[in-house]
Structures are given as structure tokens and as C-alpha cells.
C-alpha atoms as a PDB file:
ATOM      1  CA  MET A   1     -20.660  22.263  -3.638  1.00  0.00           C
ATOM      2  CA  VAL A   2     -17.897  23.573  -5.903  1.00  0.00           C
ATOM      3  CA  GLN A   3     -15.313  22.525  -3.312  1.00  0.00           C
ATOM      4  CA  GLU A   4     -16.761  18.973  -3.270  1.00  0.00           C
ATOM      5  CA  GLN A   5     -16.539  18.816  -7.072  1.00  0.00           C
ATOM      6  CA  ASN A   6     -12.940  20.051  -7.020  1.00  0.00           C
ATOM      7  CA  GLU A   7     -12.037  17.488  -4.345  1.00  0.00           C
ATOM      8  CA  GLY A   8     -13.687  14.769  -6.422  1.00  0.00           C
ATOM      9  CA  ILE A   9     -11.702  15.784  -9.496  1.00  0.00           C
ATOM     10  CA  ALA A  10      -8.495  15.975  -7.449  1.00  0.00           C
ATOM     11  CA  ASP A  11      -9.142  12.511  -5.957  1.00  0.00           C
ATOM     12  CA  HIS A  12      -9.797  11.093  -9.435  1.00  0.00           C
ATOM     13  CA  ASN A  13      -6.532  12.550 -10.782  1.00  0.00           C
ATOM     14  CA  ILE A  14      -4.580  11.278  -7.789  1.00  0.00           C
ATOM     15  CA  ASN A  15      -6.202   7.861  -8.091  1.00  0.00           C
ATOM     16  CA  LYS A  16      -5.097   7.646 -11.726  1.00  0.00           C
ATOM     17  CA  ARG A  17      -1.517   8.536 -10.746  1.00  0.00           C
ATOM     18  CA  LEU A  18      -1.440   6.082  -7.847  1.00  0.00           C
ATOM     19  CA  GLN A  19      -2.568   3.046  -9.842  1.00  0.00           C
ATOM     20  CA  TRP A  20       0.903   2.273 -11.208  1.00  0.00           C
ATOM     21  CA  ALA A  21       2.656   2.168  -7.812  1.00  0.00           C
ATOM     22  CA  ASP A  22       3.537  -1.143  -6.138  1.00  0.00           C
ATOM     23  CA  GLY A  23       4.352   0.481  -2.795  1.00  0.00           C
ATOM     24  CA  PHE A  24       4.810   3.779  -1.028  1.00  0.00           C
ATOM     25  CA  ILE A  25       7.212   5.492   1.346  1.00  0.00           C
ATOM     26  CA  LEU A  26       5.668   8.431   3.157  1.00  0.00           C
ATOM     27  CA  VAL A  27       8.061  10.700   5.043  1.00  0.00           C
ATOM     28  CA  TYR A  28       7.338  13.252   7.741  1.00  0.00           C
ATOM     29  CA  SER A  29       9.606  15.378   9.877  1.00  0.00           C
ATOM     30  CA  ILE A  30       9.536  14.589  13.601  1.00  0.00           C
ATOM     31  CA  CYS A  31       9.934  18.362  14.055  1.00  0.00           C
ATOM     32  CA  ASP A  32       6.841  19.260  12.001  1.00  0.00           C
ATOM     33  CA  ARG A  33       3.408  18.138  13.170  1.00  0.00           C
ATOM     34  CA  ALA A  34       1.780  19.391   9.950  1.00  0.00           C
ATOM     35  CA  SER A  35       3.913  16.996   7.883  1.00  0.00           C
ATOM     36  CA  PHE A  36       2.749  14.138  10.136  1.00  0.00           C
ATOM     37  CA  ALA A  37      -0.880  15.138   9.503  1.00  0.00           C
ATOM     38  CA  VAL A  38      -0.226  15.094   5.749  1.00  0.00           C
ATOM     39  CA  VAL A  39       1.170  11.553   6.025  1.00  0.00           C
ATOM     40  CA  GLU A  40      -1.981  10.475   7.899  1.00  0.00           C
ATOM     41  CA  GLN A  41      -4.134  11.905   5.091  1.00  0.00           C
ATOM     42  CA  GLN A  42      -1.995  10.330   2.367  1.00  0.00           C
ATOM     43  CA  VAL A  43      -2.209   6.880   3.940  1.00  0.00           C
ATOM     44  CA  GLN A  44      -6.010   7.096   3.835  1.00  0.00           C
ATOM     45  CA  ARG A  45      -5.992   8.468   0.281  1.00  0.00           C
ATOM     46  CA  ILE A  46      -3.725   5.642  -0.933  1.00  0.00           C
ATOM     47  CA  ARG A  47      -5.834   2.989   0.769  1.00  0.00           C
ATOM     48  CA  ARG A  48      -9.003   4.406  -0.797  1.00  0.00           C
ATOM     49  CA  ALA A  49      -7.469   4.758  -4.256  1.00  0.00           C
ATOM     50  CA  LYS A  50      -5.800   1.351  -4.395  1.00  0.00           C
ATOM     51  CA  GLY A  51      -8.484  -0.553  -2.493  1.00  0.00           C
ATOM     52  CA  ILE A  52     -10.945  -0.192  -5.346  1.00  0.00           C
ATOM     53  CA  LYS A  53      -8.931  -2.202  -7.865  1.00  0.00           C
ATOM     54  CA  CYS A  54      -6.540  -4.247  -5.712  1.00  0.00           C
ATOM     55  CA  PRO A  55      -7.645  -7.121  -3.498  1.00  0.00           C
ATOM     56  CA  VAL A  56      -4.289  -6.895  -1.657  1.00  0.00           C
ATOM     57  CA  ALA A  57      -3.414  -3.482  -0.226  1.00  0.00           C
ATOM     58  CA  PRO A  58      -0.128  -2.029  -1.476  1.00  0.00           C
ATOM     59  CA  PRO A  59       2.566  -1.808   1.170  1.00  0.00           C
ATOM     60  CA  ILE A  60       3.252   1.538   2.779  1.00  0.00           C
ATOM     61  CA  ILE A  61       6.283   2.460   4.857  1.00  0.00           C
ATOM     62  CA  ILE A  62       5.983   5.491   7.130  1.00  0.00           C
ATOM     63  CA  VAL A  63       9.281   7.216   7.883  1.00  0.00           C
ATOM     64  CA  GLY A  64       9.862   9.743  10.629  1.00  0.00           C
ATOM     65  CA  ASN A  65      12.894  11.748   9.538  1.00  0.00           C
ATOM     66  CA  LYS A  66      15.262  14.126  11.368  1.00  0.00           C
ATOM     67  CA  ARG A  67      15.883  11.864  14.352  1.00  0.00           C
ATOM     68  CA  ASP A  68      19.093  13.834  14.866  1.00  0.00           C
ATOM     69  CA  LEU A  69      16.936  16.838  15.871  1.00  0.00           C
ATOM     70  CA  ARG A  70      15.290  15.182  18.894  1.00  0.00           C
ATOM     71  CA  HIS A  71      15.497  18.418  20.843  1.00  0.00           C
ATOM     72  CA  ARG A  72      13.038  19.985  18.319  1.00  0.00           C
ATOM     73  CA  ARG A  73      10.677  16.968  18.234  1.00  0.00           C
ATOM     74  CA  THR A  74       6.941  17.677  18.016  1.00  0.00           C
ATOM     75  CA  VAL A  75       5.854  14.166  16.942  1.00  0.00           C
ATOM     76  CA  SER A  76       6.742  11.335  19.315  1.00  0.00           C
ATOM     77  CA  SER A  77       8.025   7.961  18.144  1.00  0.00           C
ATOM     78  CA  GLU A  78       4.956   6.380  19.726  1.00  0.00           C
ATOM     79  CA  GLU A  79       2.630   8.488  17.553  1.00  0.00           C
ATOM     80  CA  GLY A  80       4.452   7.365  14.426  1.00  0.00           C
ATOM     81  CA  ARG A  81       4.359   3.710  15.497  1.00  0.00           C
ATOM     82  CA  LEU A  82       0.665   3.927  16.397  1.00  0.00           C
ATOM     83  CA  LEU A  83      -0.206   5.419  13.013  1.00  0.00           C
ATOM     84  CA  ALA A  84       1.752   2.692  11.261  1.00  0.00           C
ATOM     85  CA  LEU A  85       0.142  -0.013  13.368  1.00  0.00           C
ATOM     86  CA  ALA A  86      -3.382   1.352  12.861  1.00  0.00           C
ATOM     87  CA  ALA A  87      -2.880   1.648   9.096  1.00  0.00           C
ATOM     88  CA  ASP A  88      -1.030  -1.676   8.725  1.00  0.00           C
ATOM     89  CA  CYS A  89       2.142   0.052   7.541  1.00  0.00           C
ATOM     90  CA  GLY A  90       5.824  -0.408   8.214  1.00  0.00           C
ATOM     91  CA  PHE A  91       7.578   2.198  10.343  1.00  0.00           C
ATOM     92  CA  PHE A  92      11.092   3.600  10.573  1.00  0.00           C
ATOM     93  CA  GLU A  93      12.457   6.599  12.410  1.00  0.00           C
ATOM     94  CA  ILE A  94      15.701   7.761  10.864  1.00  0.00           C
ATOM     95  CA  SER A  95      18.099  10.619  10.318  1.00  0.00           C
ATOM     96  CA  ALA A  96      18.958  10.982   6.665  1.00  0.00           C
ATOM     97  CA  ALA A  97      21.459  13.696   7.608  1.00  0.00           C
ATOM     98  CA  GLU A  98      23.501  11.452   9.933  1.00  0.00           C
ATOM     99  CA  ASN A  99      23.906   8.510   7.575  1.00  0.00           C
ATOM    100  CA  TYR A 100      22.198   6.620   4.787  1.00  0.00           C
ATOM    101  CA  HIS A 101      21.780   3.361   6.716  1.00  0.00           C
ATOM    102  CA  GLY A 102      18.243   4.155   7.932  1.00  0.00           C
ATOM    103  CA  VAL A 103      17.178   5.240   4.457  1.00  0.00           C
ATOM    104  CA  LEU A 104      18.581   2.018   3.046  1.00  0.00           C
ATOM    105  CA  LEU A 105      16.692  -0.055   5.624  1.00  0.00           C
ATOM    106  CA  ALA A 106      13.418   1.705   4.800  1.00  0.00           C
ATOM    107  CA  PHE A 107      13.802   1.095   1.058  1.00  0.00           C
ATOM    108  CA  HIS A 108      14.805  -2.529   1.547  1.00  0.00           C
ATOM    109  CA  GLY A 109      11.854  -2.967   3.897  1.00  0.00           C
ATOM    110  CA  LEU A 110       9.533  -1.659   1.207  1.00  0.00           C
ATOM    111  CA  LEU A 111      11.055  -3.945  -1.431  1.00  0.00           C
ATOM    112  CA  ASP A 112      10.549  -6.956   0.834  1.00  0.00           C
ATOM    113  CA  LEU A 113       6.910  -5.998   1.397  1.00  0.00           C
ATOM    114  CA  ILE A 114       6.352  -5.509  -2.340  1.00  0.00           C
ATOM    115  CA  ARG A 115       7.755  -8.992  -3.019  1.00  0.00           C
ATOM    116  CA  GLU A 116       5.437 -10.476  -0.381  1.00  0.00           C
ATOM    117  CA  THR A 117       2.451  -8.636  -1.846  1.00  0.00           C
ATOM    118  CA  ARG A 118       3.257  -9.864  -5.352  1.00  0.00           C
ATOM    119  CA  ALA A 119       3.564 -13.426  -4.065  1.00  0.00           C
ATOM    120  CA  LEU A 120       0.133 -13.123  -2.426  1.00  0.00           C
ATOM    121  CA  LYS A 121      -1.366 -11.800  -5.664  1.00  0.00           C
ATOM    122  CA  LYS A 122       0.194 -14.623  -7.683  1.00  0.00           C
ATOM    123  CA  GLY A 123      -1.051 -17.177  -5.177  1.00  0.00           C
ATOM    124  CA  ALA A 124      -4.598 -15.851  -5.400  1.00  0.00           C
ATOM    125  CA  ALA A 125      -4.442 -15.740  -9.196  1.00  0.00           C
ATOM    126  CA  GLY A 126      -2.956 -19.238  -9.261  1.00  0.00           C
ATOM    127  CA  ILE A 127      -5.835 -20.703  -7.261  1.00  0.00           C
ATOM    128  CA  LYS A 128      -8.397 -18.933  -9.445  1.00  0.00           C
ATOM    129  CA  GLY A 129      -6.633 -20.254 -12.551  1.00  0.00           C
ATOM    130  CA  ILE A 130      -6.724 -23.809 -11.217  1.00  0.00           C
ATOM    131  CA  VAL A 131     -10.411 -23.527 -10.383  1.00  0.00           C
ATOM    132  CA  ARG A 132     -11.171 -22.167 -13.876  1.00  0.00           C
ATOM    133  CA  SER A 133      -9.198 -24.971 -15.513  1.00  0.00           C
ATOM    134  CA  VAL A 134     -10.876 -27.690 -13.469  1.00  0.00           C
ATOM    135  CA  THR A 135     -14.292 -26.156 -14.082  1.00  0.00           C
ATOM    136  CA  ALA A 136     -13.628 -25.904 -17.805  1.00  0.00           C
ATOM    137  CA  VAL A 137     -12.452 -29.527 -18.053  1.00  0.00           C
ATOM    138  CA  PHE A 138     -15.238 -31.041 -15.993  1.00  0.00           C
ATOM    139  CA  GLY A 139     -17.870 -28.715 -17.432  1.00  0.00           C
ATOM    140  CA  ARG A 140     -16.849 -29.709 -20.957  1.00  0.00           C
ATOM    141  CA  LYS A 141     -17.000 -33.422 -20.134  1.00  0.00           C
ATOM    142  CA  ARG A 142     -20.478 -33.101 -18.711  1.00  0.00           C
ATOM    143  CA  ASN A 143     -21.638 -31.300 -21.846  1.00  0.00           C
ATOM    144  CA  ASP A 144     -19.863 -33.860 -24.076  1.00  0.00           C
ATOM    145  CA  ALA A 145     -21.537 -36.700 -22.178  1.00  0.00           C
ATOM    146  CA  LYS A 146     -24.969 -35.094 -22.671  1.00  0.00           C
ATOM    147  CA  ASP A 147     -24.275 -34.704 -26.415  1.00  0.00           C
ATOM    148  CA  THR A 148     -23.284 -38.379 -26.628  1.00  0.00           C
ATOM    149  CA  GLN A 149     -26.496 -39.478 -24.881  1.00  0.00           C
ATOM    150  CA  ASP A 150     -28.673 -37.446 -27.247  1.00  0.00           C
END
């Protein structure tokens, strides 16, 4: 029971910290299965935390790093792609040690997804705003017409 309370407190604190983020990049080492498991857990935690207050899920990019160490691989590319597909995330497998190009692609990919997400949020808010305006105008006229008849 104490462990459940501590986990609840930890989740609450993490949820508060996650609320400001527009997107996430989660990195694991292709040579470390435990880091891959942590990324799986973090994807679920982010989805739970953000899903409560956001109608549109924040974008997440999953990055498998250390591609230059293929000979020490413990997590296959397919596993990374499947996780990303199942969680509706972007996926990159890179080697930050070899060059910065892969890192750059991952960050630009996240920025593109954040822009798309913001556009979706604005579109949804725009429609709601139009509906409120139309309702307010026509609702007011109906009430004004009733007042005139009385």
C-alpha cells in the first residue's frame, strides 16, 4: 500500500512537470535492453499524463542511439519501429558519435510534428469559437425577439 501511494505521488509530480512540454524525444541505446524498456514505460507515462488535459496527444520521437555499435546490438531496429508504430510515435535510429546529421533529423522531425499538433489544436479551437459565436448571435436574437413580443 505504501508503494502504491509513493507511485501515485511520483506520477503526480511527473505529470506536473510534463504539462509544459509540447513534444518529447526519448532515447535508448541499441546496446542496452534496459534503456529500451525505460523508453516503453516513459511513452505510456507521457500518454497518461498528457491525455488527461490534451485532446491531441503530444508528439513523441523514439530514437535508437549507438547505431555505430551494431556488433553489440541487443535491441533490433524492428523492435524500435514496432514500439513507435504501436505508440503512434516517430522513430529514428542514429549514431550521435558518427555525426550530428541523425540527431538533427530527429529534432527537426519533432519540430514538424509539434507544428502539426499546434495547427490541429488551433483548428479545433477555431471551430469551437465559431460555434460559440453563432450560438451567441442567434441565441441573443431569439431572446430579443421574445422580449419584443412581450
